Amino acid sequence: MIVLPDTIKEIVVNKLSGSITPEQEKMLEEWRLQSDAHDQELIRYNAL
């Protein structure tokens, strides 16, 4: 899933202000999980 920078900014602002929608919350969680998976991939690669 590709998330545009403006969308990320809107979601983060909504999260911080407490007005995030359930759909945005789900997108944020998916984005976080993808980021964590990518970080783990980099850690494994660098350990080789």
N, C-alpha and C. Protein backbone atom coordinates (compact mmCIF):
# COMPACT_ATOMS: atom_id res chain seq x y z
N MET A 1 0.85 -1.18 0.00
CA MET A 1 0.00 0.00 0.00
C MET A 1 0.89 1.24 0.00
N ILE A 2 0.64 2.14 -0.91
CA ILE A 2 1.39 3.39 -0.97
C ILE A 2 0.57 4.47 -0.27
N VAL A 3 1.21 5.14 0.69
CA VAL A 3 0.54 6.22 1.42
C VAL A 3 1.22 7.52 1.04
N LEU A 4 0.44 8.47 0.58
CA LEU A 4 0.98 9.76 0.19
C LEU A 4 1.37 10.58 1.41
N PRO A 5 2.42 11.40 1.31
CA PRO A 5 2.87 12.21 2.45
C PRO A 5 1.76 13.06 3.06
N ASP A 6 0.90 13.66 2.24
CA ASP A 6 -0.19 14.48 2.78
C ASP A 6 -1.14 13.64 3.62
N THR A 7 -1.37 12.40 3.19
CA THR A 7 -2.25 11.50 3.93
C THR A 7 -1.63 11.17 5.28
N ILE A 8 -0.33 10.89 5.29
CA ILE A 8 0.37 10.59 6.54
C ILE A 8 0.27 11.79 7.49
N LYS A 9 0.52 12.97 6.96
CA LYS A 9 0.45 14.18 7.78
C LYS A 9 -0.94 14.35 8.38
N GLU A 10 -1.97 14.17 7.57
CA GLU A 10 -3.35 14.30 8.04
C GLU A 10 -3.66 13.29 9.14
N ILE A 11 -3.22 12.05 8.94
CA ILE A 11 -3.47 11.00 9.93
C ILE A 11 -2.76 11.32 11.24
N VAL A 12 -1.50 11.75 11.16
CA VAL A 12 -0.74 12.07 12.37
C VAL A 12 -1.37 13.25 13.12
N VAL A 13 -1.76 14.28 12.38
CA VAL A 13 -2.41 15.44 13.01
C VAL A 13 -3.71 15.00 13.69
N ASN A 14 -4.50 14.17 13.01
CA ASN A 14 -5.75 13.68 13.59
C ASN A 14 -5.48 12.83 14.83
N LYS A 15 -4.45 12.00 14.78
CA LYS A 15 -4.10 11.15 15.93
C LYS A 15 -3.74 12.02 17.13
N LEU A 16 -2.91 13.03 16.89
CA LEU A 16 -2.47 13.89 17.99
C LEU A 16 -3.61 14.74 18.55
N SER A 17 -4.55 15.10 17.69
CA SER A 17 -5.67 15.93 18.16
C SER A 17 -6.82 15.10 18.70
N GLY A 18 -6.73 13.78 18.57
CA GLY A 18 -7.77 12.90 19.09
C GLY A 18 -8.97 12.77 18.17
N SER A 19 -8.86 13.22 16.92
CA SER A 19 -10.00 13.15 16.01
C SER A 19 -9.76 12.18 14.86
N ILE A 20 -8.97 11.13 15.14
CA ILE A 20 -8.65 10.15 14.10
C ILE A 20 -9.85 9.23 13.87
N THR A 21 -10.08 8.90 12.60
CA THR A 21 -11.18 7.99 12.27
C THR A 21 -10.69 6.55 12.41
N PRO A 22 -11.61 5.61 12.59
CA PRO A 22 -11.20 4.20 12.67
C PRO A 22 -10.43 3.75 11.43
N GLU A 23 -10.83 4.24 10.26
CA GLU A 23 -10.12 3.88 9.02
C GLU A 23 -8.69 4.41 9.04
N GLN A 24 -8.52 5.65 9.51
CA GLN A 24 -7.18 6.23 9.60
C GLN A 24 -6.34 5.49 10.63
N GLU A 25 -6.97 5.09 11.73
CA GLU A 25 -6.27 4.34 12.78
C GLU A 25 -5.75 3.02 12.19
N LYS A 26 -6.57 2.37 11.37
CA LYS A 26 -6.18 1.11 10.74
C LYS A 26 -5.01 1.35 9.77
N MET A 27 -5.09 2.42 8.98
CA MET A 27 -4.00 2.75 8.05
C MET A 27 -2.70 3.00 8.81
N LEU A 28 -2.79 3.72 9.93
CA LEU A 28 -1.62 4.03 10.73
C LEU A 28 -0.99 2.75 11.28
N GLU A 29 -1.83 1.83 11.76
CA GLU A 29 -1.34 0.56 12.29
C GLU A 29 -0.69 -0.27 11.19
N GLU A 30 -1.31 -0.33 10.00
CA GLU A 30 -0.73 -1.08 8.88
C GLU A 30 0.62 -0.47 8.48
N TRP A 31 0.68 0.83 8.45
CA TRP A 31 1.91 1.53 8.09
C TRP A 31 3.01 1.23 9.11
N ARG A 32 2.64 1.23 10.39
CA ARG A 32 3.60 0.93 11.45
C ARG A 32 4.11 -0.50 11.32
N LEU A 33 3.22 -1.44 11.07
CA LEU A 33 3.62 -2.84 10.92
C LEU A 33 4.54 -3.03 9.72
N GLN A 34 4.24 -2.36 8.61
CA GLN A 34 5.09 -2.44 7.43
C GLN A 34 6.47 -1.85 7.73
N SER A 35 6.48 -0.75 8.45
CA SER A 35 7.74 -0.10 8.81
C SER A 35 8.57 -1.01 9.71
N ASP A 36 7.91 -1.65 10.70
CA ASP A 36 8.61 -2.57 11.59
C ASP A 36 9.19 -3.75 10.80
N ALA A 37 8.40 -4.28 9.86
CA ALA A 37 8.86 -5.41 9.05
C ALA A 37 10.07 -5.00 8.21
N HIS A 38 10.02 -3.81 7.65
CA HIS A 38 11.14 -3.31 6.85
C HIS A 38 12.38 -3.14 7.72
N ASP A 39 12.20 -2.61 8.94
CA ASP A 39 13.33 -2.44 9.86
C ASP A 39 13.96 -3.80 10.18
N GLN A 40 13.12 -4.81 10.43
CA GLN A 40 13.64 -6.14 10.74
C GLN A 40 14.41 -6.72 9.55
N GLU A 41 13.91 -6.46 8.34
CA GLU A 41 14.59 -6.92 7.13
C GLU A 41 15.97 -6.27 7.03
N LEU A 42 16.06 -4.98 7.32
CA LEU A 42 17.35 -4.29 7.28
C LEU A 42 18.30 -4.83 8.34
N ILE A 43 17.78 -5.12 9.52
CA ILE A 43 18.61 -5.66 10.60
C ILE A 43 19.18 -7.02 10.18
N ARG A 44 18.33 -7.87 9.60
CA ARG A 44 18.80 -9.18 9.14
C ARG A 44 19.86 -9.03 8.05
N TYR A 45 19.63 -8.12 7.12
CA TYR A 45 20.57 -7.91 6.02
C TYR A 45 21.92 -7.42 6.56
N ASN A 46 21.88 -6.48 7.50
CA ASN A 46 23.12 -5.92 8.04
C ASN A 46 23.87 -6.91 8.92
N ALA A 47 23.17 -7.93 9.42
CA ALA A 47 23.81 -8.93 10.27
C ALA A 47 24.59 -9.95 9.45
N LEU A 48 24.37 -9.98 8.14
CA LEU A 48 25.06 -10.96 7.28
C LEU A 48 26.53 -10.63 7.13
